[in-house]
Amino acid sequence: MREKKKYRILTFRTTTDAMTMEKACRQNGIPGRMIPVPREISASCGLAWRIDAEDFPLYEEKIRELYVEYENSIELML
């Protein structure tokens, strides 16, 4: 079993918002990946963006500047 790691999870109201975030992050060099929403939380569209918790503060302003609306921002061990 792999060791759990702390991540920041961004959830979205719609699949379109989730896909827009993925594309914008890739174009702007923001690390992370699209994942199914973890069981511990819920979101309308079922998709979430996962970024290392240590990286989030470094990219938080850049993510805001993308103007992609996300529903929640939650820190979890995954």
Protein backbone atom coordinates (compact mmCIF):
# COMPACT_ATOMS: atom_id res chain seq x y z
CA MET A 1 0.00 0.00 0.00
CA ARG A 2 1.35 3.41 -0.91
CA GLU A 3 1.82 6.10 1.70
CA LYS A 4 -0.89 8.76 1.81
CA LYS A 5 0.06 12.29 0.87
CA LYS A 6 -1.59 15.67 1.52
CA TYR A 7 -3.31 17.24 -1.51
CA ARG A 8 -5.45 20.29 -2.19
CA ILE A 9 -8.62 19.23 -4.01
CA LEU A 10 -10.60 21.71 -6.10
CA THR A 11 -14.16 20.64 -6.96
CA PHE A 12 -16.43 22.02 -9.67
CA ARG A 13 -20.13 22.56 -10.28
CA THR A 14 -19.93 21.44 -13.91
CA THR A 15 -17.82 19.14 -16.06
CA THR A 16 -17.16 22.11 -18.36
CA ASP A 17 -15.57 24.04 -15.46
CA ALA A 18 -13.43 21.00 -14.58
CA MET A 19 -12.23 20.53 -18.15
CA THR A 20 -11.54 24.27 -18.50
CA MET A 21 -9.41 24.13 -15.34
CA GLU A 22 -7.44 21.16 -16.65
CA LYS A 23 -6.72 22.88 -19.97
CA ALA A 24 -5.83 26.23 -18.34
CA CYS A 25 -3.50 24.59 -15.81
CA ARG A 26 -1.66 22.65 -18.50
CA GLN A 27 -1.29 25.77 -20.67
CA ASN A 28 0.06 27.78 -17.72
CA GLY A 29 2.42 25.18 -16.24
CA ILE A 30 0.39 24.62 -13.08
CA PRO A 31 1.03 21.12 -11.71
CA GLY A 32 -1.78 18.73 -10.85
CA ARG A 33 -4.21 16.33 -12.46
CA MET A 34 -7.90 15.65 -12.91
CA ILE A 35 -9.29 12.95 -10.61
CA PRO A 36 -12.69 11.54 -9.66
CA VAL A 37 -14.04 13.34 -6.60
CA PRO A 38 -12.85 11.45 -3.48
CA ARG A 39 -15.51 9.67 -1.42
CA GLU A 40 -14.80 11.94 1.55
CA ILE A 41 -16.34 14.89 -0.28
CA SER A 42 -18.99 15.45 -2.91
CA ALA A 43 -19.27 17.70 -5.94
CA SER A 44 -21.87 18.22 -8.58
CA CYS A 45 -19.88 17.09 -11.60
CA GLY A 46 -17.85 14.23 -10.10
CA LEU A 47 -14.46 15.61 -11.19
CA ALA A 48 -11.81 17.43 -9.16
CA TRP A 49 -8.37 18.97 -9.72
CA ARG A 50 -5.67 17.58 -7.43
CA ILE A 51 -2.51 19.53 -6.62
CA ASP A 52 0.13 18.80 -3.97
CA ALA A 53 -0.75 20.72 -0.81
CA GLU A 54 2.78 22.19 -0.70
CA ASP A 55 2.43 23.48 -4.28
CA PHE A 56 -0.97 25.10 -3.84
CA PRO A 57 0.24 28.28 -2.06
CA LEU A 58 2.82 28.79 -4.83
CA TYR A 59 0.16 28.59 -7.58
CA GLU A 60 -2.96 29.86 -5.76
CA GLU A 61 -2.77 33.38 -7.22
CA LYS A 62 -2.05 32.06 -10.70
CA ILE A 63 -5.07 29.72 -10.42
CA ARG A 64 -7.28 32.68 -9.42
CA GLU A 65 -6.01 34.62 -12.45
CA LEU A 66 -7.30 31.83 -14.72
CA TYR A 67 -10.85 32.94 -13.86
CA VAL A 68 -12.05 29.33 -13.74
CA GLU A 69 -14.76 28.97 -11.12
CA TYR A 70 -14.34 26.12 -8.65
CA GLU A 71 -16.87 25.09 -6.05
CA ASN A 72 -14.68 24.11 -3.08
CA SER A 73 -11.03 23.92 -2.09
CA ILE A 74 -10.32 21.16 0.42
CA GLU A 75 -7.11 19.67 1.82
CA LEU A 76 -7.14 15.86 2.09
CA MET A 77 -4.80 12.96 2.67
CA LEU A 78 -5.03 10.66 -0.37
